[in-house]
Amino acid sequence: MMPSFPSGVPFPANADEDTPIFVISVAAQLSGLHAQTLRSYDRLGLVSPGRTSGGGRRYSMRDIAVLREVQRLSQEEGVNLAGIKRIIHLENQVTALQARVEELTHELAAAYTAAEQAAAAVHASYRHELVPVHKPKTALVVWKPHPRRT
């Protein structure tokens, strides 16, 4: 499924939610914030939009989502901007760590599969060298000596 804007219009070719495409006025409108607020949040490091070669800000859909979350945390939860910056940083760390855990889980599964295949190959290689050995049948003999005659 092709990603799309909230309006349902598809992203431009080769673009996704991380592609910086919105100028600051459009980003302000989409986020419900003033353009000066977006500049302030950029200076504080809350949101880091992409830049054009001329230095103009370009916001992605992910940036818009972060701006909306900043506004929600500030207005609805009463969190100050320093707290919001810390929350965003921690959420980014969690996301990165979850991705790393998933990556390591895949690596571990691949290593486990490779080890099983290697063990199977070793077992398969020596099965041809085994020679069946037939054990002689044993019997239990009870010896009863006759009593001595004198």
Protein backbone atom coordinates (compact mmCIF):
# COMPACT_ATOMS: atom_id res chain seq x y z
CA MET A 1 0.00 0.00 0.00
CA MET A 2 1.39 3.40 -0.99
CA PRO A 3 1.78 5.87 1.91
CA SER A 4 -0.42 8.93 1.74
CA PHE A 5 -0.99 12.30 3.36
CA PRO A 6 -3.77 12.65 5.95
CA SER A 7 -6.00 13.94 3.14
CA GLY A 8 -5.53 10.60 1.35
CA VAL A 9 -3.37 12.10 -1.41
CA PRO A 10 -0.45 9.74 -2.07
CA PHE A 11 3.13 10.79 -1.31
CA PRO A 12 5.27 11.77 -4.29
CA ALA A 13 7.23 8.92 -5.92
CA ASN A 14 10.09 7.59 -3.74
CA ALA A 15 8.76 9.51 -0.70
CA ASP A 16 7.59 8.21 2.66
CA GLU A 17 6.66 9.63 6.08
CA ASP A 18 10.32 10.60 6.69
CA THR A 19 10.73 12.57 3.45
CA PRO A 20 11.01 16.31 4.17
CA ILE A 21 8.57 17.93 1.77
CA PHE A 22 6.47 20.54 3.63
CA VAL A 23 7.51 24.19 3.82
CA ILE A 24 7.14 25.77 7.25
CA SER A 25 3.79 27.45 6.50
CA VAL A 26 2.21 24.13 5.46
CA ALA A 27 3.79 22.31 8.43
CA ALA A 28 2.40 25.00 10.75
CA GLN A 29 -1.06 24.56 9.28
CA LEU A 30 -0.92 20.74 9.47
CA SER A 31 0.34 20.77 13.05
CA GLY A 32 -1.97 23.52 14.26
CA LEU A 33 0.95 25.63 15.48
CA HIS A 34 2.30 29.02 14.47
CA ALA A 35 5.32 29.08 12.13
CA GLN A 36 7.30 31.00 14.78
CA THR A 37 6.59 28.20 17.25
CA LEU A 38 8.02 25.69 14.75
CA ARG A 39 11.17 27.80 14.45
CA SER A 40 11.44 27.92 18.23
CA TYR A 41 11.01 24.15 18.52
CA ASP A 42 13.71 23.70 15.89
CA ARG A 43 16.12 25.91 17.87
CA LEU A 44 15.34 23.94 21.04
CA GLY A 45 15.96 20.65 19.25
CA LEU A 46 12.44 19.30 19.73
CA VAL A 47 11.97 18.82 15.99
CA SER A 48 14.78 18.87 13.43
CA PRO A 49 13.33 19.40 9.97
CA GLY A 50 15.30 18.79 6.81
CA ARG A 51 16.93 21.73 5.06
CA THR A 52 17.04 22.83 1.47
CA SER A 53 20.33 23.90 -0.12
CA GLY A 54 19.25 27.48 0.62
CA GLY A 55 18.64 26.69 4.32
CA GLY A 56 14.84 26.59 4.22
CA ARG A 57 13.11 24.15 6.54
CA ARG A 58 11.28 21.14 5.09
CA TYR A 59 9.10 19.06 7.39
CA SER A 60 8.14 15.40 6.96
CA MET A 61 4.92 13.72 8.05
CA ARG A 62 6.85 12.25 10.99
CA ASP A 63 7.93 15.79 11.95
CA ILE A 64 4.27 16.89 11.82
CA ALA A 65 3.33 13.98 14.11
CA VAL A 66 6.07 14.99 16.57
CA LEU A 67 4.88 18.61 16.50
CA ARG A 68 1.34 17.47 17.30
CA GLU A 69 2.65 15.34 20.17
CA VAL A 70 4.67 18.28 21.52
CA GLN A 71 1.53 20.40 21.47
CA ARG A 72 -0.52 17.66 23.17
CA LEU A 73 2.05 17.07 25.91
CA SER A 74 2.40 20.79 26.51
CA GLN A 75 -1.26 21.76 26.51
CA GLU A 76 -3.07 18.64 27.73
CA GLU A 77 -0.46 17.12 30.05
CA GLY A 78 1.21 20.32 31.26
CA VAL A 79 4.73 19.09 30.48
CA ASN A 80 7.34 21.82 29.99
CA LEU A 81 9.51 21.92 26.87
CA ALA A 82 12.56 20.47 28.64
CA GLY A 83 10.44 17.53 29.78
CA ILE A 84 9.02 17.10 26.28
CA LYS A 85 12.53 17.09 24.83
CA ARG A 86 13.52 14.35 27.30
CA ILE A 87 10.37 12.33 26.50
CA ILE A 88 11.06 12.55 22.77
CA HIS A 89 14.69 11.53 23.33
CA LEU A 90 13.66 8.54 25.45
CA GLU A 91 10.99 7.47 22.94
CA ASN A 92 13.59 7.62 20.17
CA GLN A 93 15.94 5.50 22.29
CA VAL A 94 13.20 2.95 22.92
CA THR A 95 12.42 2.78 19.21
CA ALA A 96 16.11 2.32 18.36
CA LEU A 97 16.54 -0.36 21.03
CA GLN A 98 13.43 -2.22 19.86
CA ALA A 99 14.81 -2.20 16.32
CA ARG A 100 18.17 -3.50 17.62
CA VAL A 101 16.47 -6.27 19.61
CA GLU A 102 14.53 -7.31 16.52
CA GLU A 103 17.75 -7.27 14.47
CA LEU A 104 19.57 -9.38 17.07
CA THR A 105 16.62 -11.78 17.28
CA HIS A 106 16.82 -12.33 13.53
CA GLU A 107 20.61 -12.80 13.73
CA LEU A 108 20.20 -15.29 16.57
CA ALA A 109 17.56 -17.24 14.66
CA ALA A 110 19.83 -17.32 11.60
CA ALA A 111 22.79 -18.49 13.72
CA TYR A 112 20.64 -21.16 15.35
CA THR A 113 19.46 -22.38 11.95
CA ALA A 114 23.04 -22.42 10.64
CA ALA A 115 24.20 -24.39 13.71
CA GLU A 116 21.42 -26.93 13.25
CA GLN A 117 22.31 -27.32 9.57
CA ALA A 118 26.00 -27.72 10.41
CA ALA A 119 25.20 -30.34 13.05
CA ALA A 120 22.95 -32.18 10.60
CA ALA A 121 25.72 -32.14 7.99
CA VAL A 122 28.21 -33.58 10.47
CA HIS A 123 25.77 -36.28 11.50
CA ALA A 124 25.01 -37.10 7.88
CA SER A 125 28.71 -37.35 7.06
CA TYR A 126 29.56 -39.98 9.63
CA ARG A 127 26.50 -42.16 9.28
CA HIS A 128 28.02 -43.69 6.16
CA GLU A 129 31.13 -44.75 8.05
CA LEU A 130 29.33 -46.68 10.73
CA VAL A 131 29.48 -50.46 10.51
CA PRO A 132 26.83 -52.47 12.28
CA VAL A 133 28.26 -54.82 14.87
CA HIS A 134 26.30 -57.90 15.77
CA LYS A 135 26.63 -58.84 19.38
CA PRO A 136 26.98 -62.54 20.00
CA LYS A 137 24.00 -63.93 21.76
CA THR A 138 24.71 -64.86 25.29
CA ALA A 139 23.20 -67.56 27.34
CA LEU A 140 23.16 -68.16 31.00
CA VAL A 141 24.51 -71.55 32.02
CA VAL A 142 23.95 -72.78 35.50
CA TRP A 143 26.47 -75.37 36.63
CA LYS A 144 25.39 -77.81 39.21
CA PRO A 145 28.21 -80.10 40.21
CA HIS A 146 27.35 -83.62 41.19
CA PRO A 147 28.11 -84.54 44.74
CA ARG A 148 31.41 -86.37 45.15
CA ARG A 149 31.38 -89.96 45.91
CA THR A 150 33.75 -91.15 48.45
